[in-house]
C-alpha cells in the first residue's frame, strides 16, 4: 500500500492506483474526473519520485512533476505529501 498525505492526514492507496480517491476524501475539488477541467490541481511537497510519469492530460496543461492533476495521477508506491 502507498500513502498519500494531504494537509497532514494520511490516506492509504493501492500501489499503482490513482491518487483521486485519497484526494476526494481530503476535499480536493473535482469537476470532470478526466483531466479536462484542471480543478483538481495538487502541489507535490514531497515524494514526487513515487508518482508515475505525467499523464498526457497533465502534459497538455504544461505541468511539471511538482504540480499534478489528482484525477489522472498514479502513485507507484511509497509516500507522497500533497497540498491543494
PDB file of N, CA and C in Angstrom:
ATOM      1  N   UNK A   1       0.834  -1.194   0.000  1.00  0.00           N
ATOM      2  CA  UNK A   1       0.000   0.000   0.000  1.00  0.00           C
ATOM      3  C   UNK A   1       0.877   1.254   0.000  1.00  0.00           C
ATOM      4  N   UNK A   2       0.411   2.246  -0.720  1.00  0.00           N
ATOM      5  CA  UNK A   2       1.069   3.545  -0.764  1.00  0.00           C
ATOM      6  C   UNK A   2       0.304   4.494   0.152  1.00  0.00           C
ATOM      7  N   UNK A   3       0.935   5.609   0.489  1.00  0.00           N
ATOM      8  CA  UNK A   3       0.298   6.587   1.360  1.00  0.00           C
ATOM      9  C   UNK A   3       0.344   7.957   0.707  1.00  0.00           C
ATOM     10  N   UNK A   4      -0.808   8.613   0.694  1.00  0.00           N
ATOM     11  CA  UNK A   4      -0.912   9.991   0.229  1.00  0.00           C
ATOM     12  C   UNK A   4      -1.237  10.828   1.458  1.00  0.00           C
ATOM     13  N   UNK A   5      -0.385  11.801   1.763  1.00  0.00           N
ATOM     14  CA  UNK A   5      -0.605  12.668   2.917  1.00  0.00           C
ATOM     15  C   UNK A   5      -1.064  14.024   2.394  1.00  0.00           C
ATOM     16  N   UNK A   6      -2.251  14.427   2.817  1.00  0.00           N
ATOM     17  CA  UNK A   6      -2.828  15.696   2.384  1.00  0.00           C
ATOM     18  C   UNK A   6      -3.177  16.493   3.626  1.00  0.00           C
ATOM     19  N   UNK A   7      -2.571  17.661   3.765  1.00  0.00           N
ATOM     20  CA  UNK A   7      -2.778  18.504   4.951  1.00  0.00           C
ATOM     21  C   UNK A   7      -2.580  17.714   6.242  1.00  0.00           C
ATOM     22  N   UNK A   8      -1.490  16.960   6.298  1.00  0.00           N
ATOM     23  CA  UNK A   8      -1.052  16.195   7.465  1.00  0.00           C
ATOM     24  C   UNK A   8      -1.916  14.974   7.778  1.00  0.00           C
ATOM     25  N   UNK A   9      -2.863  14.619   6.917  1.00  0.00           N
ATOM     26  CA  UNK A   9      -3.709  13.447   7.140  1.00  0.00           C
ATOM     27  C   UNK A   9      -3.312  12.370   6.124  1.00  0.00           C
ATOM     28  N   UNK A  10      -2.928  11.165   6.599  1.00  0.00           N
ATOM     29  CA  UNK A  10      -2.542  10.095   5.678  1.00  0.00           C
ATOM     30  C   UNK A  10      -3.756   9.327   5.148  1.00  0.00           C
ATOM     31  N   UNK A  11      -3.691   8.973   3.878  1.00  0.00           N
ATOM     32  CA  UNK A  11      -4.707   8.157   3.224  1.00  0.00           C
ATOM     33  C   UNK A  11      -3.989   7.026   2.505  1.00  0.00           C
ATOM     34  N   UNK A  12      -4.458   5.793   2.670  1.00  0.00           N
ATOM     35  CA  UNK A  12      -3.838   4.665   2.002  1.00  0.00           C
ATOM     36  C   UNK A  12      -4.436   4.492   0.614  1.00  0.00           C
ATOM     37  N   UNK A  13      -3.557   4.170  -0.335  1.00  0.00           N
ATOM     38  CA  UNK A  13      -3.937   3.947  -1.725  1.00  0.00           C
ATOM     39  C   UNK A  13      -3.179   2.713  -2.188  1.00  0.00           C
ATOM     40  N   UNK A  14      -3.789   1.909  -2.992  1.00  0.00           N
ATOM     41  CA  UNK A  14      -3.092   0.732  -3.522  1.00  0.00           C
ATOM     42  C   UNK A  14      -1.972   1.170  -4.450  1.00  0.00           C
ATOM     43  N   UNK A  15      -0.853   0.477  -4.400  1.00  0.00           N
ATOM     44  CA  UNK A  15       0.247   0.748  -5.319  1.00  0.00           C
ATOM     45  C   UNK A  15      -0.267   0.689  -6.757  1.00  0.00           C
ATOM     46  N   UNK A  16       0.118   1.674  -7.559  1.00  0.00           N
ATOM     47  CA  UNK A  16      -0.277   1.705  -8.959  1.00  0.00           C
ATOM     48  C   UNK A  16      -1.648   2.285  -9.218  1.00  0.00           C
ATOM     49  N   UNK A  17      -2.315   2.798  -8.185  1.00  0.00           N
ATOM     50  CA  UNK A  17      -3.662   3.360  -8.333  1.00  0.00           C
ATOM     51  C   UNK A  17      -3.603   4.884  -8.465  1.00  0.00           C
ATOM     52  N   UNK A  18      -4.693   5.452  -8.946  1.00  0.00           N
ATOM     53  CA  UNK A  18      -4.819   6.910  -8.994  1.00  0.00           C
ATOM     54  C   UNK A  18      -4.894   7.467  -7.575  1.00  0.00           C
ATOM     55  N   UNK A  19      -4.400   8.669  -7.391  1.00  0.00           N
ATOM     56  CA  UNK A  19      -4.494   9.315  -6.077  1.00  0.00           C
ATOM     57  C   UNK A  19      -5.858   9.977  -5.884  1.00  0.00           C
ATOM     58  N   UNK A  20      -6.719   9.875  -6.881  1.00  0.00           N
ATOM     59  CA  UNK A  20      -8.032  10.525  -6.879  1.00  0.00           C
ATOM     60  C   UNK A  20      -8.849  10.234  -5.627  1.00  0.00           C
ATOM     61  N   UNK A  21      -8.972   8.962  -5.239  1.00  0.00           N
ATOM     62  CA  UNK A  21      -9.815   8.610  -4.096  1.00  0.00           C
ATOM     63  C   UNK A  21      -9.348   9.286  -2.818  1.00  0.00           C
ATOM     64  N   UNK A  22      -8.035   9.276  -2.577  1.00  0.00           N
ATOM     65  CA  UNK A  22      -7.498   9.931  -1.382  1.00  0.00           C
ATOM     66  C   UNK A  22      -7.772  11.424  -1.434  1.00  0.00           C
ATOM     67  N   UNK A  23      -7.603  12.012  -2.595  1.00  0.00           N
ATOM     68  CA  UNK A  23      -7.810  13.459  -2.738  1.00  0.00           C
ATOM     69  C   UNK A  23      -9.271  13.837  -2.565  1.00  0.00           C
ATOM     70  N   UNK A  24     -10.174  13.008  -3.075  1.00  0.00           N
ATOM     71  CA  UNK A  24     -11.605  13.283  -2.889  1.00  0.00           C
ATOM     72  C   UNK A  24     -11.968  13.248  -1.407  1.00  0.00           C
ATOM     73  N   UNK A  25     -11.444  12.268  -0.679  1.00  0.00           N
ATOM     74  CA  UNK A  25     -11.711  12.169   0.757  1.00  0.00           C
ATOM     75  C   UNK A  25     -11.180  13.392   1.501  1.00  0.00           C
ATOM     76  N   UNK A  26     -10.081  13.969   0.996  1.00  0.00           N
ATOM     77  CA  UNK A  26      -9.466  15.122   1.651  1.00  0.00           C
ATOM     78  C   UNK A  26     -10.131  16.446   1.264  1.00  0.00           C
ATOM     79  N   UNK A  27     -11.039  16.410   0.297  1.00  0.00           N
ATOM     80  CA  UNK A  27     -11.749  17.628  -0.081  1.00  0.00           C
ATOM     81  C   UNK A  27     -11.178  18.373  -1.271  1.00  0.00           C
ATOM     82  N   UNK A  28     -10.249  17.750  -2.010  1.00  0.00           N
ATOM     83  CA  UNK A  28      -9.741  18.379  -3.232  1.00  0.00           C
ATOM     84  C   UNK A  28     -10.915  18.505  -4.196  1.00  0.00           C
ATOM     85  N   UNK A  29     -11.124  19.683  -4.792  1.00  0.00           N
ATOM     86  CA  UNK A  29     -12.270  19.852  -5.693  1.00  0.00           C
ATOM     87  C   UNK A  29     -12.079  19.114  -7.020  1.00  0.00           C
ATOM     88  N   UNK A  30     -13.132  18.458  -7.470  1.00  0.00           N
ATOM     89  CA  UNK A  30     -13.155  17.760  -8.748  1.00  0.00           C
ATOM     90  C   UNK A  30     -14.393  18.202  -9.513  1.00  0.00           C
ATOM     91  N   UNK A  31     -14.246  18.404 -10.800  1.00  0.00           N
ATOM     92  CA  UNK A  31     -15.410  18.692 -11.633  1.00  0.00           C
ATOM     93  C   UNK A  31     -15.615  17.629 -12.692  1.00  0.00           C
ATOM     94  N   UNK A  32     -14.551  17.222 -13.382  1.00  0.00           N
ATOM     95  CA  UNK A  32     -14.746  16.318 -14.518  1.00  0.00           C
ATOM     96  C   UNK A  32     -14.193  14.914 -14.299  1.00  0.00           C
ATOM     97  N   UNK A  33     -13.164  14.749 -13.496  1.00  0.00           N
ATOM     98  CA  UNK A  33     -12.503  13.463 -13.248  1.00  0.00           C
ATOM     99  C   UNK A  33     -11.812  12.858 -14.465  1.00  0.00           C
ATOM    100  N   UNK A  34     -11.558  13.645 -15.503  1.00  0.00           N
ATOM    101  CA  UNK A  34     -10.919  13.113 -16.705  1.00  0.00           C
ATOM    102  C   UNK A  34      -9.735  13.947 -17.172  1.00  0.00           C
ATOM    103  N   UNK A  35      -9.273  14.890 -16.366  1.00  0.00           N
ATOM    104  CA  UNK A  35      -8.113  15.689 -16.731  1.00  0.00           C
ATOM    105  C   UNK A  35      -8.397  16.825 -17.684  1.00  0.00           C
ATOM    106  N   UNK A  36      -9.661  17.163 -17.864  1.00  0.00           N
ATOM    107  CA  UNK A  36     -10.033  18.215 -18.811  1.00  0.00           C
ATOM    108  C   UNK A  36     -10.165  19.577 -18.136  1.00  0.00           C
ATOM    109  N   UNK A  37     -10.748  19.623 -16.943  1.00  0.00           N
ATOM    110  CA  UNK A  37     -11.097  20.921 -16.349  1.00  0.00           C
ATOM    111  C   UNK A  37      -9.968  21.558 -15.529  1.00  0.00           C
ATOM    112  N   UNK A  38      -9.070  20.764 -14.971  1.00  0.00           N
ATOM    113  CA  UNK A  38      -7.969  21.308 -14.180  1.00  0.00           C
ATOM    114  C   UNK A  38      -8.345  21.713 -12.767  1.00  0.00           C
ATOM    115  N   UNK A  39      -9.543  21.360 -12.312  1.00  0.00           N
ATOM    116  CA  UNK A  39      -9.968  21.774 -10.968  1.00  0.00           C
ATOM    117  C   UNK A  39      -9.247  21.021  -9.851  1.00  0.00           C
ATOM    118  N   UNK A  40      -8.649  19.875 -10.150  1.00  0.00           N
ATOM    119  CA  UNK A  40      -8.054  19.041  -9.107  1.00  0.00           C
ATOM    120  C   UNK A  40      -6.531  19.175  -9.033  1.00  0.00           C
ATOM    121  N   UNK A  41      -6.017  20.340  -9.348  1.00  0.00           N
ATOM    122  CA  UNK A  41      -4.570  20.554  -9.267  1.00  0.00           C
ATOM    123  C   UNK A  41      -4.079  20.394  -7.835  1.00  0.00           C
ATOM    124  N   UNK A  42      -3.023  19.618  -7.666  1.00  0.00           N
ATOM    125  CA  UNK A  42      -2.386  19.453  -6.362  1.00  0.00           C
ATOM    126  C   UNK A  42      -0.907  19.756  -6.505  1.00  0.00           C
ATOM    127  N   UNK A  43      -0.313  20.223  -5.432  1.00  0.00           N
ATOM    128  CA  UNK A  43       1.116  20.527  -5.383  1.00  0.00           C
ATOM    129  C   UNK A  43       1.798  19.411  -4.611  1.00  0.00           C
ATOM    130  N   UNK A  44       2.828  18.825  -5.203  1.00  0.00           N
ATOM    131  CA  UNK A  44       3.582  17.755  -4.551  1.00  0.00           C
ATOM    132  C   UNK A  44       4.668  18.402  -3.692  1.00  0.00           C
ATOM    133  N   UNK A  45       4.577  18.199  -2.401  1.00  0.00           N
ATOM    134  CA  UNK A  45       5.527  18.770  -1.455  1.00  0.00           C
ATOM    135  C   UNK A  45       6.711  17.833  -1.211  1.00  0.00           C
ATOM    136  N   UNK A  46       6.441  16.526  -1.212  1.00  0.00           N
ATOM    137  CA  UNK A  46       7.475  15.508  -1.008  1.00  0.00           C
ATOM    138  C   UNK A  46       7.061  14.233  -1.721  1.00  0.00           C
ATOM    139  N   UNK A  47       8.033  13.486  -2.202  1.00  0.00           N
ATOM    140  CA  UNK A  47       7.769  12.171  -2.768  1.00  0.00           C
ATOM    141  C   UNK A  47       7.376  12.140  -4.233  1.00  0.00           C
ATOM    142  N   UNK A  48       7.700  13.162  -4.992  1.00  0.00           N
ATOM    143  CA  UNK A  48       7.326  13.195  -6.412  1.00  0.00           C
ATOM    144  C   UNK A  48       7.868  11.979  -7.167  1.00  0.00           C
ATOM    145  N   UNK A  49       8.999  11.447  -6.725  1.00  0.00           N
ATOM    146  CA  UNK A  49       9.584  10.280  -7.370  1.00  0.00           C
ATOM    147  C   UNK A  49       8.758   9.009  -7.197  1.00  0.00           C
ATOM    148  N   UNK A  50       7.804   9.039  -6.282  1.00  0.00           N
ATOM    149  CA  UNK A  50       6.930   7.888  -6.065  1.00  0.00           C
ATOM    150  C   UNK A  50       5.707   7.896  -6.974  1.00  0.00           C
ATOM    151  N   UNK A  51       5.543   8.973  -7.732  1.00  0.00           N
ATOM    152  CA  UNK A  51       4.415   9.081  -8.653  1.00  0.00           C
ATOM    153  C   UNK A  51       4.810   8.586 -10.036  1.00  0.00           C
ATOM    154  N   UNK A  52       3.824   8.158 -10.790  1.00  0.00           N
ATOM    155  CA  UNK A  52       4.068   7.745 -12.163  1.00  0.00           C
ATOM    156  C   UNK A  52       4.391   8.952 -13.029  1.00  0.00           C
ATOM    157  N   UNK A  53       4.729   8.694 -14.291  1.00  0.00           N
ATOM    158  CA  UNK A  53       5.029   9.799 -15.196  1.00  0.00           C
ATOM    159  C   UNK A  53       3.795  10.668 -15.434  1.00  0.00           C
ATOM    160  N   UNK A  54       4.036  11.868 -15.911  1.00  0.00           N
ATOM    161  CA  UNK A  54       2.924  12.765 -16.231  1.00  0.00           C
ATOM    162  C   UNK A  54       1.987  12.106 -17.239  1.00  0.00           C
ATOM    163  N   UNK A  55       0.705  12.196 -16.977  1.00  0.00           N
ATOM    164  CA  UNK A  55      -0.302  11.703 -17.916  1.00  0.00           C
ATOM    165  C   UNK A  55      -0.384  12.679 -19.088  1.00  0.00           C
ATOM    166  N   UNK A  56      -0.854  12.228 -20.241  1.00  0.00           N
ATOM    167  CA  UNK A  56      -0.981  13.135 -21.387  1.00  0.00           C
ATOM    168  C   UNK A  56      -1.778  14.405 -21.056  1.00  0.00           C
ATOM    169  N   UNK A  57      -2.813  14.259 -20.222  1.00  0.00           N
ATOM    170  CA  UNK A  57      -3.630  15.417 -19.834  1.00  0.00           C
ATOM    171  C   UNK A  57      -2.798  16.429 -19.047  1.00  0.00           C
ATOM    172  N   UNK A  58      -1.900  15.934 -18.204  1.00  0.00           N
ATOM    173  CA  UNK A  58      -1.043  16.821 -17.421  1.00  0.00           C
ATOM    174  C   UNK A  58      -0.042  17.526 -18.331  1.00  0.00           C
ATOM    175  N   UNK A  59       0.453  16.820 -19.311  1.00  0.00           N
ATOM    176  CA  UNK A  59       1.367  17.437 -20.279  1.00  0.00           C
ATOM    177  C   UNK A  59       0.663  18.524 -21.070  1.00  0.00           C
ATOM    178  N   UNK A  60      -0.628  18.293 -21.406  1.00  0.00           N
ATOM    179  CA  UNK A  60      -1.407  19.302 -22.131  1.00  0.00           C
ATOM    180  C   UNK A  60      -1.501  20.608 -21.346  1.00  0.00           C
ATOM    181  N   UNK A  61      -1.541  20.502 -20.019  1.00  0.00           N
ATOM    182  CA  UNK A  61      -1.587  21.682 -19.150  1.00  0.00           C
ATOM    183  C   UNK A  61      -0.202  22.292 -18.933  1.00  0.00           C
ATOM    184  N   UNK A  62       0.840  21.626 -19.407  1.00  0.00           N
ATOM    185  CA  UNK A  62       2.195  22.120 -19.216  1.00  0.00           C
ATOM    186  C   UNK A  62       2.694  21.952 -17.789  1.00  0.00           C
ATOM    187  N   UNK A  63       2.151  20.965 -17.078  1.00  0.00           N
ATOM    188  CA  UNK A  63       2.529  20.759 -15.678  1.00  0.00           C
ATOM    189  C   UNK A  63       3.891  20.092 -15.584  1.00  0.00           C
ATOM    190  N   UNK A  64       4.537  20.302 -14.441  1.00  0.00           N
ATOM    191  CA  UNK A  64       5.788  19.618 -14.172  1.00  0.00           C
ATOM    192  C   UNK A  64       5.513  18.524 -13.139  1.00  0.00           C
ATOM    193  N   UNK A  65       6.522  17.843 -12.688  1.00  0.00           N
ATOM    194  CA  UNK A  65       6.328  16.764 -11.731  1.00  0.00           C
ATOM    195  C   UNK A  65       5.915  17.217 -10.345  1.00  0.00           C
ATOM    196  N   UNK A  66       5.926  18.525 -10.084  1.00  0.00           N
ATOM    197  CA  UNK A  66       5.567  19.034  -8.766  1.00  0.00           C
ATOM    198  C   UNK A  66       4.145  19.579  -8.697  1.00  0.00           C
ATOM    199  N   UNK A  67       3.490  19.703  -9.811  1.00  0.00           N
ATOM    200  CA  UNK A  67       2.084  20.069  -9.857  1.00  0.00           C
ATOM    201  C   UNK A  67       1.401  19.029 -10.725  1.00  0.00           C
ATOM    202  N   UNK A  68       0.349  18.420 -10.186  1.00  0.00           N
ATOM    203  CA  UNK A  68      -0.292  17.302 -10.878  1.00  0.00           C
ATOM    204  C   UNK A  68      -1.807  17.441 -10.850  1.00  0.00           C
ATOM    205  N   UNK A  69      -2.465  16.712 -11.726  1.00  0.00           N
ATOM    206  CA  UNK A  69      -3.920  16.592 -11.715  1.00  0.00           C
ATOM    207  C   UNK A  69      -4.265  15.330 -10.930  1.00  0.00           C
ATOM    208  N   UNK A  70      -4.949  15.489  -9.816  1.00  0.00           N
ATOM    209  CA  UNK A  70      -5.232  14.352  -8.938  1.00  0.00           C
ATOM    210  C   UNK A  70      -6.080  13.285  -9.617  1.00  0.00           C
ATOM    211  N   UNK A  71      -6.880  13.662 -10.595  1.00  0.00           N
ATOM    212  CA  UNK A  71      -7.787  12.692 -11.214  1.00  0.00           C
ATOM    213  C   UNK A  71      -7.077  11.720 -12.149  1.00  0.00           C
ATOM    214  N   UNK A  72      -5.871  12.039 -12.605  1.00  0.00           N
ATOM    215  CA  UNK A  72      -5.161  11.156 -13.539  1.00  0.00           C
ATOM    216  C   UNK A  72      -3.768  10.752 -13.037  1.00  0.00           C
ATOM    217  N   UNK A  73      -3.380  11.187 -11.856  1.00  0.00           N
ATOM    218  CA  UNK A  73      -2.046  10.940 -11.320  1.00  0.00           C
ATOM    219  C   UNK A  73      -2.008   9.599 -10.580  1.00  0.00           C
ATOM    220  N   UNK A  74      -1.007   8.791 -10.903  1.00  0.00           N
ATOM    221  CA  UNK A  74      -0.839   7.463 -10.309  1.00  0.00           C
ATOM    222  C   UNK A  74       0.298   7.503  -9.293  1.00  0.00           C
ATOM    223  N   UNK A  75       0.087   6.824  -8.149  1.00  0.00           N
ATOM    224  CA  UNK A  75       1.162   6.641  -7.185  1.00  0.00           C
ATOM    225  C   UNK A  75       1.677   5.215  -7.352  1.00  0.00           C
ATOM    226  N   UNK A  76       2.965   5.078  -7.615  1.00  0.00           N
ATOM    227  CA  UNK A  76       3.548   3.752  -7.812  1.00  0.00           C
ATOM    228  C   UNK A  76       3.687   2.998  -6.496  1.00  0.00           C
ATOM    229  N   UNK A  77       4.219   3.682  -5.481  1.00  0.00           N
ATOM    230  CA  UNK A  77       4.427   3.084  -4.155  1.00  0.00           C
ATOM    231  C   UNK A  77       4.967   4.186  -3.253  1.00  0.00           C
ATOM    232  N   UNK A  78       5.170   3.843  -1.981  1.00  0.00           N
ATOM    233  CA  UNK A  78       5.769   4.794  -1.053  1.00  0.00           C
ATOM    234  C   UNK A  78       4.803   5.847  -0.553  1.00  0.00           C
ATOM    235  N   UNK A  79       5.346   6.999  -0.213  1.00  0.00           N
ATOM    236  CA  UNK A  79       4.575   8.083   0.380  1.00  0.00           C
ATOM    237  C   UNK A  79       4.745   9.351  -0.429  1.00  0.00           C
ATOM    238  N   UNK A  80       3.639  10.051  -0.610  1.00  0.00           N
ATOM    239  CA  UNK A  80       3.633  11.339  -1.294  1.00  0.00           C
ATOM    240  C   UNK A  80       2.871  12.327  -0.424  1.00  0.00           C
ATOM    241  N   UNK A  81       3.450  13.511  -0.250  1.00  0.00           N
ATOM    242  CA  UNK A  81       2.833  14.564   0.546  1.00  0.00           C
ATOM    243  C   UNK A  81       2.335  15.648  -0.410  1.00  0.00           C
ATOM    244  N   UNK A  82       1.037  15.980  -0.313  1.00  0.00           N
ATOM    245  CA  UNK A  82       0.401  16.929  -1.222  1.00  0.00           C
ATOM    246  C   UNK A  82      -0.265  18.081  -0.474  1.00  0.00           C
ATOM    247  N   UNK A  83      -0.485  19.144  -1.205  1.00  0.00           N
ATOM    248  CA  UNK A  83      -1.340  20.228  -0.744  1.00  0.00           C
ATOM    249  C   UNK A  83      -2.136  20.696  -1.958  1.00  0.00           C
ATOM    250  N   UNK A  84      -3.228  21.390  -1.722  1.00  0.00           N
ATOM    251  CA  UNK A  84      -4.044  21.885  -2.836  1.00  0.00           C
ATOM    252  C   UNK A  84      -4.522  23.284  -2.565  1.00  0.00           C
TER     253      UNK A  84
END
